[in-house]
mmCIF file of all heavy atoms, coordinates in Angstrom:
data_MODEL
# 
_entry.id   MODEL 
# 
loop_
_atom_site.group_PDB 
_atom_site.id 
_atom_site.type_symbol 
_atom_site.label_atom_id 
_atom_site.label_alt_id 
_atom_site.label_comp_id 
_atom_site.label_asym_id 
_atom_site.label_entity_id 
_atom_site.label_seq_id 
_atom_site.pdbx_PDB_ins_code 
_atom_site.Cartn_x 
_atom_site.Cartn_y 
_atom_site.Cartn_z 
_atom_site.occupancy 
_atom_site.B_iso_or_equiv 
_atom_site.pdbx_formal_charge 
_atom_site.auth_seq_id 
_atom_site.auth_comp_id 
_atom_site.auth_asym_id 
_atom_site.auth_atom_id 
_atom_site.pdbx_PDB_model_num 
ATOM 1   N N   . ALA A 1 1  ? 0.840   -1.200  0.000   1.00 0.00 ? 1  ALA A N   1 
ATOM 2   C CA  . ALA A 1 1  ? 0.000   0.000   0.000   1.00 0.00 ? 1  ALA A CA  1 
ATOM 3   C C   . ALA A 1 1  ? 0.873   1.248   0.000   1.00 0.00 ? 1  ALA A C   1 
ATOM 4   O O   . ALA A 1 1  ? 1.866   1.323   0.723   1.00 0.00 ? 1  ALA A O   1 
ATOM 5   C CB  . ALA A 1 1  ? -0.923  -0.002  1.215   1.00 0.00 ? 1  ALA A CB  1 
ATOM 6   N N   . LYS A 1 2  ? 0.509   2.212   -0.831  1.00 0.00 ? 2  LYS A N   1 
ATOM 7   C CA  . LYS A 1 2  ? 1.290   3.437   -0.964  1.00 0.00 ? 2  LYS A CA  1 
ATOM 8   C C   . LYS A 1 2  ? 0.563   4.597   -0.285  1.00 0.00 ? 2  LYS A C   1 
ATOM 9   O O   . LYS A 1 2  ? -0.577  4.929   -0.632  1.00 0.00 ? 2  LYS A O   1 
ATOM 10  C CB  . LYS A 1 2  ? 1.509   3.742   -2.451  1.00 0.00 ? 2  LYS A CB  1 
ATOM 11  C CG  . LYS A 1 2  ? 2.328   2.647   -3.144  1.00 0.00 ? 2  LYS A CG  1 
ATOM 12  C CD  . LYS A 1 2  ? 2.399   2.849   -4.634  1.00 0.00 ? 2  LYS A CD  1 
ATOM 13  C CE  . LYS A 1 2  ? 3.236   1.750   -5.284  1.00 0.00 ? 2  LYS A CE  1 
ATOM 14  N NZ  . LYS A 1 2  ? 2.638   0.399   -5.082  1.00 0.00 ? 2  LYS A NZ  1 
ATOM 15  N N   . LYS A 1 3  ? 1.252   5.195   0.659   1.00 0.00 ? 3  LYS A N   1 
ATOM 16  C CA  . LYS A 1 3  ? 0.648   6.260   1.461   1.00 0.00 ? 3  LYS A CA  1 
ATOM 17  C C   . LYS A 1 3  ? 0.233   7.446   0.602   1.00 0.00 ? 3  LYS A C   1 
ATOM 18  O O   . LYS A 1 3  ? -0.826  8.044   0.805   1.00 0.00 ? 3  LYS A O   1 
ATOM 19  C CB  . LYS A 1 3  ? 1.633   6.706   2.546   1.00 0.00 ? 3  LYS A CB  1 
ATOM 20  C CG  . LYS A 1 3  ? 1.041   7.681   3.548   1.00 0.00 ? 3  LYS A CG  1 
ATOM 21  C CD  . LYS A 1 3  ? 2.024   7.972   4.673   1.00 0.00 ? 3  LYS A CD  1 
ATOM 22  C CE  . LYS A 1 3  ? 1.405   8.904   5.703   1.00 0.00 ? 3  LYS A CE  1 
ATOM 23  N NZ  . LYS A 1 3  ? 2.361   9.188   6.822   1.00 0.00 ? 3  LYS A NZ  1 
ATOM 24  N N   . HIS A 1 4  ? 1.054   7.794   -0.395  1.00 0.00 ? 4  HIS A N   1 
ATOM 25  C CA  . HIS A 1 4  ? 0.753   8.979   -1.201  1.00 0.00 ? 4  HIS A CA  1 
ATOM 26  C C   . HIS A 1 4  ? -0.477  8.781   -2.084  1.00 0.00 ? 4  HIS A C   1 
ATOM 27  O O   . HIS A 1 4  ? -1.045  9.749   -2.588  1.00 0.00 ? 4  HIS A O   1 
ATOM 28  C CB  . HIS A 1 4  ? 1.973   9.381   -2.047  1.00 0.00 ? 4  HIS A CB  1 
ATOM 29  C CG  . HIS A 1 4  ? 2.243   8.488   -3.220  1.00 0.00 ? 4  HIS A CG  1 
ATOM 30  N ND1 . HIS A 1 4  ? 2.915   7.286   -3.088  1.00 0.00 ? 4  HIS A ND1 1 
ATOM 31  C CD2 . HIS A 1 4  ? 1.929   8.603   -4.539  1.00 0.00 ? 4  HIS A CD2 1 
ATOM 32  C CE1 . HIS A 1 4  ? 3.009   6.715   -4.272  1.00 0.00 ? 4  HIS A CE1 1 
ATOM 33  N NE2 . HIS A 1 4  ? 2.416   7.480   -5.176  1.00 0.00 ? 4  HIS A NE2 1 
ATOM 34  N N   . LEU A 1 5  ? -0.892  7.511   -2.251  1.00 0.00 ? 5  LEU A N   1 
ATOM 35  C CA  . LEU A 1 5  ? -2.107  7.232   -3.019  1.00 0.00 ? 5  LEU A CA  1 
ATOM 36  C C   . LEU A 1 5  ? -3.314  7.003   -2.105  1.00 0.00 ? 5  LEU A C   1 
ATOM 37  O O   . LEU A 1 5  ? -4.411  6.700   -2.579  1.00 0.00 ? 5  LEU A O   1 
ATOM 38  C CB  . LEU A 1 5  ? -1.904  6.001   -3.911  1.00 0.00 ? 5  LEU A CB  1 
ATOM 39  C CG  . LEU A 1 5  ? -0.922  6.165   -5.073  1.00 0.00 ? 5  LEU A CG  1 
ATOM 40  C CD1 . LEU A 1 5  ? -0.774  4.849   -5.840  1.00 0.00 ? 5  LEU A CD1 1 
ATOM 41  C CD2 . LEU A 1 5  ? -1.366  7.279   -6.020  1.00 0.00 ? 5  LEU A CD2 1 
ATOM 42  N N   . GLY A 1 6  ? -3.095  7.141   -0.796  1.00 0.00 ? 6  GLY A N   1 
ATOM 43  C CA  . GLY A 1 6  ? -4.187  6.958   0.150   1.00 0.00 ? 6  GLY A CA  1 
ATOM 44  C C   . GLY A 1 6  ? -4.701  5.534   0.202   1.00 0.00 ? 6  GLY A C   1 
ATOM 45  O O   . GLY A 1 6  ? -5.871  5.306   0.492   1.00 0.00 ? 6  GLY A O   1 
ATOM 46  N N   . GLN A 1 7  ? -3.817  4.564   -0.050  1.00 0.00 ? 7  GLN A N   1 
ATOM 47  C CA  . GLN A 1 7  ? -4.261  3.171   -0.142  1.00 0.00 ? 7  GLN A CA  1 
ATOM 48  C C   . GLN A 1 7  ? -4.340  2.496   1.232   1.00 0.00 ? 7  GLN A C   1 
ATOM 49  O O   . GLN A 1 7  ? -3.407  2.549   2.023   1.00 0.00 ? 7  GLN A O   1 
ATOM 50  C CB  . GLN A 1 7  ? -3.302  2.370   -1.029  1.00 0.00 ? 7  GLN A CB  1 
ATOM 51  C CG  . GLN A 1 7  ? -3.364  2.749   -2.505  1.00 0.00 ? 7  GLN A CG  1 
ATOM 52  C CD  . GLN A 1 7  ? -2.319  2.002   -3.324  1.00 0.00 ? 7  GLN A CD  1 
ATOM 53  O OE1 . GLN A 1 7  ? -1.218  1.734   -2.850  1.00 0.00 ? 7  GLN A OE1 1 
ATOM 54  N NE2 . GLN A 1 7  ? -2.657  1.678   -4.556  1.00 0.00 ? 7  GLN A NE2 1 
ATOM 55  N N   . HIS A 1 8  ? -5.490  1.893   1.500   1.00 0.00 ? 8  HIS A N   1 
ATOM 56  C CA  . HIS A 1 8  ? -5.688  1.011   2.647   1.00 0.00 ? 8  HIS A CA  1 
ATOM 57  C C   . HIS A 1 8  ? -6.472  -0.180  2.102   1.00 0.00 ? 8  HIS A C   1 
ATOM 58  O O   . HIS A 1 8  ? -7.665  -0.076  1.844   1.00 0.00 ? 8  HIS A O   1 
ATOM 59  C CB  . HIS A 1 8  ? -6.480  1.713   3.766   1.00 0.00 ? 8  HIS A CB  1 
ATOM 60  C CG  . HIS A 1 8  ? -5.751  2.869   4.381   1.00 0.00 ? 8  HIS A CG  1 
ATOM 61  N ND1 . HIS A 1 8  ? -4.831  2.731   5.397   1.00 0.00 ? 8  HIS A ND1 1 
ATOM 62  C CD2 . HIS A 1 8  ? -5.794  4.198   4.093   1.00 0.00 ? 8  HIS A CD2 1 
ATOM 63  C CE1 . HIS A 1 8  ? -4.344  3.920   5.719   1.00 0.00 ? 8  HIS A CE1 1 
ATOM 64  N NE2 . HIS A 1 8  ? -4.909  4.823   4.941   1.00 0.00 ? 8  HIS A NE2 1 
ATOM 65  N N   . PHE A 1 9  ? -5.800  -1.302  1.901   1.00 0.00 ? 9  PHE A N   1 
ATOM 66  C CA  . PHE A 1 9  ? -6.426  -2.438  1.240   1.00 0.00 ? 9  PHE A CA  1 
ATOM 67  C C   . PHE A 1 9  ? -7.355  -3.188  2.204   1.00 0.00 ? 9  PHE A C   1 
ATOM 68  O O   . PHE A 1 9  ? -6.945  -3.582  3.302   1.00 0.00 ? 9  PHE A O   1 
ATOM 69  C CB  . PHE A 1 9  ? -5.368  -3.403  0.695   1.00 0.00 ? 9  PHE A CB  1 
ATOM 70  C CG  . PHE A 1 9  ? -4.498  -2.804  -0.380  1.00 0.00 ? 9  PHE A CG  1 
ATOM 71  C CD1 . PHE A 1 9  ? -3.140  -3.086  -0.435  1.00 0.00 ? 9  PHE A CD1 1 
ATOM 72  C CD2 . PHE A 1 9  ? -5.034  -1.960  -1.340  1.00 0.00 ? 9  PHE A CD2 1 
ATOM 73  C CE1 . PHE A 1 9  ? -2.326  -2.543  -1.434  1.00 0.00 ? 9  PHE A CE1 1 
ATOM 74  C CE2 . PHE A 1 9  ? -4.244  -1.423  -2.342  1.00 0.00 ? 9  PHE A CE2 1 
ATOM 75  C CZ  . PHE A 1 9  ? -2.889  -1.707  -2.386  1.00 0.00 ? 9  PHE A CZ  1 
ATOM 76  N N   . LEU A 1 10 ? -8.579  -3.384  1.791   1.00 0.00 ? 10 LEU A N   1 
ATOM 77  C CA  . LEU A 1 10 ? -9.530  -4.172  2.556   1.00 0.00 ? 10 LEU A CA  1 
ATOM 78  C C   . LEU A 1 10 ? -9.102  -5.632  2.517   1.00 0.00 ? 10 LEU A C   1 
ATOM 79  O O   . LEU A 1 10 ? -8.746  -6.149  1.461   1.00 0.00 ? 10 LEU A O   1 
ATOM 80  C CB  . LEU A 1 10 ? -10.931 -4.012  1.950   1.00 0.00 ? 10 LEU A CB  1 
ATOM 81  C CG  . LEU A 1 10 ? -12.069 -4.789  2.611   1.00 0.00 ? 10 LEU A CG  1 
ATOM 82  C CD1 . LEU A 1 10 ? -12.332 -4.276  4.020   1.00 0.00 ? 10 LEU A CD1 1 
ATOM 83  C CD2 . LEU A 1 10 ? -13.342 -4.668  1.770   1.00 0.00 ? 10 LEU A CD2 1 
ATOM 84  N N   . ASN A 1 11 ? -9.126  -6.306  3.678   1.00 0.00 ? 11 ASN A N   1 
ATOM 85  C CA  . ASN A 1 11 ? -8.713  -7.710  3.694   1.00 0.00 ? 11 ASN A CA  1 
ATOM 86  C C   . ASN A 1 11 ? -9.770  -8.631  4.306   1.00 0.00 ? 11 ASN A C   1 
ATOM 87  O O   . ASN A 1 11 ? -9.464  -9.766  4.672   1.00 0.00 ? 11 ASN A O   1 
ATOM 88  C CB  . ASN A 1 11 ? -7.360  -7.880  4.417   1.00 0.00 ? 11 ASN A CB  1 
ATOM 89  C CG  . ASN A 1 11 ? -7.373  -7.308  5.827   1.00 0.00 ? 11 ASN A CG  1 
ATOM 90  O OD1 . ASN A 1 11 ? -8.407  -7.300  6.489   1.00 0.00 ? 11 ASN A OD1 1 
ATOM 91  N ND2 . ASN A 1 11 ? -6.227  -6.819  6.285   1.00 0.00 ? 11 ASN A ND2 1 
ATOM 92  N N   . ASP A 1 12 ? -11.009 -8.142  4.393   1.00 0.00 ? 12 ASP A N   1 
ATOM 93  C CA  . ASP A 1 12 ? -12.091 -8.940  4.954   1.00 0.00 ? 12 ASP A CA  1 
ATOM 94  C C   . ASP A 1 12 ? -13.090 -9.295  3.852   1.00 0.00 ? 12 ASP A C   1 
ATOM 95  O O   . ASP A 1 12 ? -13.836 -8.434  3.372   1.00 0.00 ? 12 ASP A O   1 
ATOM 96  C CB  . ASP A 1 12 ? -12.791 -8.145  6.069   1.00 0.00 ? 12 ASP A CB  1 
ATOM 97  C CG  . ASP A 1 12 ? -13.826 -8.967  6.823   1.00 0.00 ? 12 ASP A CG  1 
ATOM 98  O OD1 . ASP A 1 12 ? -14.568 -9.724  6.171   1.00 0.00 ? 12 ASP A OD1 1 
ATOM 99  O OD2 . ASP A 1 12 ? -13.903 -8.834  8.053   1.00 0.00 ? 12 ASP A OD2 1 
ATOM 100 N N   . PRO A 1 13 ? -13.126 -10.567 3.421   1.00 0.00 ? 13 PRO A N   1 
ATOM 101 C CA  . PRO A 1 13 ? -14.007 -10.952 2.312   1.00 0.00 ? 13 PRO A CA  1 
ATOM 102 C C   . PRO A 1 13 ? -15.492 -10.800 2.636   1.00 0.00 ? 13 PRO A C   1 
ATOM 103 O O   . PRO A 1 13 ? -16.306 -10.593 1.731   1.00 0.00 ? 13 PRO A O   1 
ATOM 104 C CB  . PRO A 1 13 ? -13.643 -12.416 2.046   1.00 0.00 ? 13 PRO A CB  1 
ATOM 105 C CG  . PRO A 1 13 ? -12.974 -12.885 3.297   1.00 0.00 ? 13 PRO A CG  1 
ATOM 106 C CD  . PRO A 1 13 ? -12.306 -11.704 3.897   1.00 0.00 ? 13 PRO A CD  1 
ATOM 107 N N   . ASN A 1 14 ? -15.871 -10.896 3.911   1.00 0.00 ? 14 ASN A N   1 
ATOM 108 C CA  . ASN A 1 14 ? -17.282 -10.730 4.279   1.00 0.00 ? 14 ASN A CA  1 
ATOM 109 C C   . ASN A 1 14 ? -17.755 -9.300  4.059   1.00 0.00 ? 14 ASN A C   1 
ATOM 110 O O   . ASN A 1 14 ? -18.857 -9.055  3.552   1.00 0.00 ? 14 ASN A O   1 
ATOM 111 C CB  . ASN A 1 14 ? -17.507 -11.133 5.734   1.00 0.00 ? 14 ASN A CB  1 
ATOM 112 C CG  . ASN A 1 14 ? -17.329 -12.629 5.955   1.00 0.00 ? 14 ASN A CG  1 
ATOM 113 O OD1 . ASN A 1 14 ? -17.751 -13.430 5.115   1.00 0.00 ? 14 ASN A OD1 1 
ATOM 114 N ND2 . ASN A 1 14 ? -16.701 -12.997 7.051   1.00 0.00 ? 14 ASN A ND2 1 
ATOM 115 N N   . ILE A 1 15 ? -16.908 -8.343  4.428   1.00 0.00 ? 15 ILE A N   1 
ATOM 116 C CA  . ILE A 1 15 ? -17.250 -6.938  4.198   1.00 0.00 ? 15 ILE A CA  1 
ATOM 117 C C   . ILE A 1 15 ? -17.260 -6.652  2.703   1.00 0.00 ? 15 ILE A C   1 
ATOM 118 O O   . ILE A 1 15 ? -18.135 -5.936  2.205   1.00 0.00 ? 15 ILE A O   1 
ATOM 119 C CB  . ILE A 1 15 ? -16.278 -6.006  4.953   1.00 0.00 ? 15 ILE A CB  1 
ATOM 120 C CG1 . ILE A 1 15 ? -16.517 -6.132  6.460   1.00 0.00 ? 15 ILE A CG1 1 
ATOM 121 C CG2 . ILE A 1 15 ? -16.453 -4.548  4.503   1.00 0.00 ? 15 ILE A CG2 1 
ATOM 122 C CD1 . ILE A 1 15 ? -15.567 -5.339  7.315   1.00 0.00 ? 15 ILE A CD1 1 
ATOM 123 N N   . ALA A 1 16 ? -16.315 -7.242  1.980   1.00 0.00 ? 16 ALA A N   1 
ATOM 124 C CA  . ALA A 1 16 ? -16.298 -7.071  0.520   1.00 0.00 ? 16 ALA A CA  1 
ATOM 125 C C   . ALA A 1 16 ? -17.608 -7.566  -0.079  1.00 0.00 ? 16 ALA A C   1 
ATOM 126 O O   . ALA A 1 16 ? -18.201 -6.910  -0.951  1.00 0.00 ? 16 ALA A O   1 
ATOM 127 C CB  . ALA A 1 16 ? -15.120 -7.829  -0.083  1.00 0.00 ? 16 ALA A CB  1 
ATOM 128 N N   . ARG A 1 17 ? -18.083 -8.712  0.388   1.00 0.00 ? 17 ARG A N   1 
ATOM 129 C CA  . ARG A 1 17 ? -19.341 -9.256  -0.120  1.00 0.00 ? 17 ARG A CA  1 
ATOM 130 C C   . ARG A 1 17 ? -20.521 -8.335  0.218   1.00 0.00 ? 17 ARG A C   1 
ATOM 131 O O   . ARG A 1 17 ? -21.398 -8.110  -0.604  1.00 0.00 ? 17 ARG A O   1 
ATOM 132 C CB  . ARG A 1 17 ? -19.574 -10.659 0.456   1.00 0.00 ? 17 ARG A CB  1 
ATOM 133 C CG  . ARG A 1 17 ? -20.785 -11.367 -0.138  1.00 0.00 ? 17 ARG A CG  1 
ATOM 134 C CD  . ARG A 1 17 ? -20.824 -12.839 0.229   1.00 0.00 ? 17 ARG A CD  1 
ATOM 135 N NE  . ARG A 1 17 ? -20.862 -13.040 1.679   1.00 0.00 ? 17 ARG A NE  1 
ATOM 136 C CZ  . ARG A 1 17 ? -19.844 -13.519 2.393   1.00 0.00 ? 17 ARG A CZ  1 
ATOM 137 N NH1 . ARG A 1 17 ? -18.712 -13.835 1.788   1.00 0.00 ? 17 ARG A NH1 1 
ATOM 138 N NH2 . ARG A 1 17 ? -19.951 -13.680 3.699   1.00 0.00 ? 17 ARG A NH2 1 
ATOM 139 N N   . ASN A 1 18 ? -20.516 -7.780  1.435   1.00 0.00 ? 18 ASN A N   1 
ATOM 140 C CA  . ASN A 1 18 ? -21.596 -6.858  1.826   1.00 0.00 ? 18 ASN A CA  1 
ATOM 141 C C   . ASN A 1 18 ? -21.611 -5.602  0.957   1.00 0.00 ? 18 ASN A C   1 
ATOM 142 O O   . ASN A 1 18 ? -22.680 -5.095  0.613   1.00 0.00 ? 18 ASN A O   1 
ATOM 143 C CB  . ASN A 1 18 ? -21.438 -6.461  3.295   1.00 0.00 ? 18 ASN A CB  1 
ATOM 144 C CG  . ASN A 1 18 ? -21.720 -7.598  4.251   1.00 0.00 ? 18 ASN A CG  1 
ATOM 145 O OD1 . ASN A 1 18 ? -22.380 -8.567  3.880   1.00 0.00 ? 18 ASN A OD1 1 
ATOM 146 N ND2 . ASN A 1 18 ? -21.210 -7.507  5.464   1.00 0.00 ? 18 ASN A ND2 1 
ATOM 147 N N   . ILE A 1 19 ? -20.423 -5.122  0.599   1.00 0.00 ? 19 ILE A N   1 
ATOM 148 C CA  . ILE A 1 19 ? -20.339 -3.929  -0.256  1.00 0.00 ? 19 ILE A CA  1 
ATOM 149 C C   . ILE A 1 19 ? -20.890 -4.235  -1.640  1.00 0.00 ? 19 ILE A C   1 
ATOM 150 O O   . ILE A 1 19 ? -21.702 -3.484  -2.190  1.00 0.00 ? 19 ILE A O   1 
ATOM 151 C CB  . ILE A 1 19 ? -18.878 -3.431  -0.347  1.00 0.00 ? 19 ILE A CB  1 
ATOM 152 C CG1 . ILE A 1 19 ? -18.402 -2.926  1.027   1.00 0.00 ? 19 ILE A CG1 1 
ATOM 153 C CG2 . ILE A 1 19 ? -18.749 -2.324  -1.385  1.00 0.00 ? 19 ILE A CG2 1 
ATOM 154 C CD1 . ILE A 1 19 ? -16.921 -2.618  1.076   1.00 0.00 ? 19 ILE A CD1 1 
ATOM 155 N N   . VAL A 1 20 ? -20.479 -5.363  -2.207  1.00 0.00 ? 20 VAL A N   1 
ATOM 156 C CA  . VAL A 1 20 ? -20.942 -5.743  -3.544  1.00 0.00 ? 20 VAL A CA  1 
ATOM 157 C C   . VAL A 1 20 ? -22.448 -5.993  -3.547  1.00 0.00 ? 20 VAL A C   1 
ATOM 158 O O   . VAL A 1 20 ? -23.159 -5.593  -4.480  1.00 0.00 ? 20 VAL A O   1 
ATOM 159 C CB  . VAL A 1 20 ? -20.171 -6.984  -4.051  1.00 0.00 ? 20 VAL A CB  1 
ATOM 160 C CG1 . VAL A 1 20 ? -20.794 -7.513  -5.338  1.00 0.00 ? 20 VAL A CG1 1 
ATOM 161 C CG2 . VAL A 1 20 ? -18.703 -6.623  -4.293  1.00 0.00 ? 20 VAL A CG2 1 
ATOM 162 N N   . GLU A 1 21 ? -22.946 -6.624  -2.492  1.00 0.00 ? 21 GLU A N   1 
ATOM 163 C CA  . GLU A 1 21 ? -24.380 -6.925  -2.422  1.00 0.00 ? 21 GLU A CA  1 
ATOM 164 C C   . GLU A 1 21 ? -25.229 -5.676  -2.232  1.00 0.00 ? 21 GLU A C   1 
ATOM 165 O O   . GLU A 1 21 ? -26.453 -5.726  -2.393  1.00 0.00 ? 21 GLU A O   1 
ATOM 166 C CB  . GLU A 1 21 ? -24.649 -7.942  -1.308  1.00 0.00 ? 21 GLU A CB  1 
ATOM 167 C CG  . GLU A 1 21 ? -24.147 -9.341  -1.648  1.00 0.00 ? 21 GLU A CG  1 
ATOM 168 C CD  . GLU A 1 21 ? -24.355 -10.348 -0.527  1.00 0.00 ? 21 GLU A CD  1 
ATOM 169 O OE1 . GLU A 1 21 ? -24.773 -9.930  0.576   1.00 0.00 ? 21 GLU A OE1 1 
ATOM 170 O OE2 . GLU A 1 21 ? -24.091 -11.542 -0.765  1.00 0.00 ? 21 GLU A OE2 1 
ATOM 171 N N   . ALA A 1 22 ? -24.599 -4.563  -1.913  1.00 0.00 ? 22 ALA A N   1 
ATOM 172 C CA  . ALA A 1 22 ? -25.337 -3.297  -1.772  1.00 0.00 ? 22 ALA A CA  1 
ATOM 173 C C   . ALA A 1 22 ? -25.705 -2.697  -3.135  1.00 0.00 ? 22 ALA A C   1 
ATOM 174 O O   . ALA A 1 22 ? -26.531 -1.781  -3.209  1.00 0.00 ? 22 ALA A O   1 
ATOM 175 C CB  . ALA A 1 22 ? -24.517 -2.294  -0.968  1.00 0.00 ? 22 ALA A CB  1 
ATOM 176 N N   . LEU A 1 23 ? -25.089 -3.212  -4.204  1.00 0.00 ? 23 LEU A N   1 
ATOM 177 C CA  . LEU A 1 23 ? -25.451 -2.748  -5.546  1.00 0.00 ? 23 LEU A CA  1 
ATOM 178 C C   . LEU A 1 23 ? -26.898 -3.124  -5.859  1.00 0.00 ? 23 LEU A C   1 
ATOM 179 O O   . LEU A 1 23 ? -27.316 -4.259  -5.642  1.00 0.00 ? 23 LEU A O   1 
ATOM 180 C CB  . LEU A 1 23 ? -24.533 -3.375  -6.600  1.00 0.00 ? 23 LEU A CB  1 
ATOM 181 C CG  . LEU A 1 23 ? -23.097 -2.852  -6.685  1.00 0.00 ? 23 LEU A CG  1 
ATOM 182 C CD1 . LEU A 1 23 ? -22.263 -3.764  -7.577  1.00 0.00 ? 23 LEU A CD1 1 
ATOM 183 C CD2 . LEU A 1 23 ? -23.067 -1.419  -7.216  1.00 0.00 ? 23 LEU A CD2 1 
ATOM 184 N N   . ARG A 1 24 ? -27.653 -2.168  -6.405  1.00 0.00 ? 24 ARG A N   1 
ATOM 185 C CA  . ARG A 1 24 ? -29.047 -2.420  -6.768  1.00 0.00 ? 24 ARG A CA  1 
ATOM 186 C C   . ARG A 1 24 ? -29.266 -2.394  -8.287  1.00 0.00 ? 24 ARG A C   1 
ATOM 187 O O   . ARG A 1 24 ? -30.315 -2.741  -8.773  1.00 0.00 ? 24 ARG A O   1 
ATOM 188 C CB  . ARG A 1 24 ? -29.958 -1.384  -6.098  1.00 0.00 ? 24 ARG A CB  1 
ATOM 189 C CG  . ARG A 1 24 ? -30.015 -1.500  -4.583  1.00 0.00 ? 24 ARG A CG  1 
ATOM 190 C CD  . ARG A 1 24 ? -30.735 -2.763  -4.165  1.00 0.00 ? 24 ARG A CD  1 
ATOM 191 N NE  . ARG A 1 24 ? -30.749 -2.930  -2.717  1.00 0.00 ? 24 ARG A NE  1 
ATOM 192 C CZ  . ARG A 1 24 ? -29.897 -3.689  -2.047  1.00 0.00 ? 24 ARG A CZ  1 
ATOM 193 N NH1 . ARG A 1 24 ? -28.936 -4.334  -2.705  1.00 0.00 ? 24 ARG A NH1 1 
ATOM 194 N NH2 . ARG A 1 24 ? -29.981 -3.816  -0.751  1.00 0.00 ? 24 ARG A NH2 1 
ATOM 195 N N   . LEU A 1 25 ? -28.261 -1.930  -9.034  1.00 0.00 ? 25 LEU A N   1 
ATOM 196 C CA  . LEU A 1 25 ? -28.317 -1.885  -10.502 1.00 0.00 ? 25 LEU A CA  1 
ATOM 197 C C   . LEU A 1 25 ? -29.614 -1.234  -11.011 1.00 0.00 ? 25 LEU A C   1 
ATOM 198 O O   . LEU A 1 25 ? -30.393 -1.855  -11.738 1.00 0.00 ? 25 LEU A O   1 
ATOM 199 C CB  . LEU A 1 25 ? -28.170 -3.292  -11.087 1.00 0.00 ? 25 LEU A CB  1 
ATOM 200 C CG  . LEU A 1 25 ? -26.931 -4.077  -10.646 1.00 0.00 ? 25 LEU A CG  1 
ATOM 201 C CD1 . LEU A 1 25 ? -26.972 -5.485  -11.215 1.00 0.00 ? 25 LEU A CD1 1 
ATOM 202 C CD2 . LEU A 1 25 ? -25.664 -3.363  -11.059 1.00 0.00 ? 25 LEU A CD2 1 
ATOM 203 N N   . PRO A 1 26 ? -29.851 0.021   -10.665 1.00 0.00 ? 26 PRO A N   1 
ATOM 204 C CA  . PRO A 1 26 ? -31.074 0.685   -11.124 1.00 0.00 ? 26 PRO A CA  1 
ATOM 205 C C   . PRO A 1 26 ? -31.037 0.965   -12.616 1.00 0.00 ? 26 PRO A C   1 
ATOM 206 O O   . PRO A 1 26 ? -29.971 0.967   -13.245 1.00 0.00 ? 26 PRO A O   1 
ATOM 207 C CB  . PRO A 1 26 ? -31.068 1.996   -10.328 1.00 0.00 ? 26 PRO A CB  1 
ATOM 208 C CG  . PRO A 1 26 ? -29.615 2.281   -10.098 1.00 0.00 ? 26 PRO A CG  1 
ATOM 209 C CD  . PRO A 1 26 ? -28.981 0.930   -9.912  1.00 0.00 ? 26 PRO A CD  1 
ATOM 210 N N   . ASP A 1 27 ? -32.210 1.206   -13.191 1.00 0.00 ? 27 ASP A N   1 
ATOM 211 C CA  . ASP A 1 27 ? -32.324 1.617   -14.597 1.00 0.00 ? 27 ASP A CA  1 
ATOM 212 C C   . ASP A 1 27 ? -31.689 0.625   -15.562 1.00 0.00 ? 27 ASP A C   1 
ATOM 213 O O   . ASP A 1 27 ? -31.159 0.996   -16.605 1.00 0.00 ? 27 ASP A O   1 
ATOM 214 C CB  . ASP A 1 27 ? -31.690 3.004   -14.814 1.00 0.00 ? 27 ASP A CB  1 
ATOM 215 C CG  . ASP A 1 27 ? -32.325 4.065   -13.941 1.00 0.00 ? 27 ASP A CG  1 
ATOM 216 O OD1 . ASP A 1 27 ? -33.535 3.950   -13.665 1.00 0.00 ? 27 ASP A OD1 1 
ATOM 217 O OD2 . ASP A 1 27 ? -31.626 4.996   -13.523 1.00 0.00 ? 27 ASP A OD2 1 
ATOM 218 N N   . GLY A 1 28 ? -31.718 -0.659  -15.211 1.00 0.00 ? 28 GLY A N   1 
ATOM 219 C CA  . GLY A 1 28 ? -31.179 -1.659  -16.119 1.00 0.00 ? 28 GLY A CA  1 
ATOM 220 C C   . GLY A 1 28 ? -29.673 -1.581  -16.301 1.00 0.00 ? 28 GLY A C   1 
ATOM 221 O O   . GLY A 1 28 ? -29.144 -1.923  -17.368 1.00 0.00 ? 28 GLY A O   1 
ATOM 222 N N   . VAL A 1 29 ? -28.952 -1.132  -15.287 1.00 0.00 ? 29 VAL A N   1 
ATOM 223 C CA  . VAL A 1 29 ? -27.493 -1.013  -15.373 1.00 0.00 ? 29 VAL A CA  1 
ATOM 224 C C   . VAL A 1 29 ? -26.862 -2.378  -15.635 1.00 0.00 ? 29 VAL A C   1 
ATOM 225 O O   . VAL A 1 29 ? -27.166 -3.367  -14.954 1.00 0.00 ? 29 VAL A O   1 
ATOM 226 C CB  . VAL A 1 29 ? -26.926 -0.411  -14.064 1.00 0.00 ? 29 VAL A CB  1 
ATOM 227 C CG1 . VAL A 1 29 ? -25.409 -0.584  -13.997 1.00 0.00 ? 29 VAL A CG1 1 
ATOM 228 C CG2 . VAL A 1 29 ? -27.283 1.069   -13.954 1.00 0.00 ? 29 VAL A CG2 1 
# 
């Protein structure tokens, strides 16, 4: 992770899944 890019890598797959599942794909996206 590079500090100047503001990187903090997520390492919890459960939270990753919760974020992805929050997508609702409106308007036929």
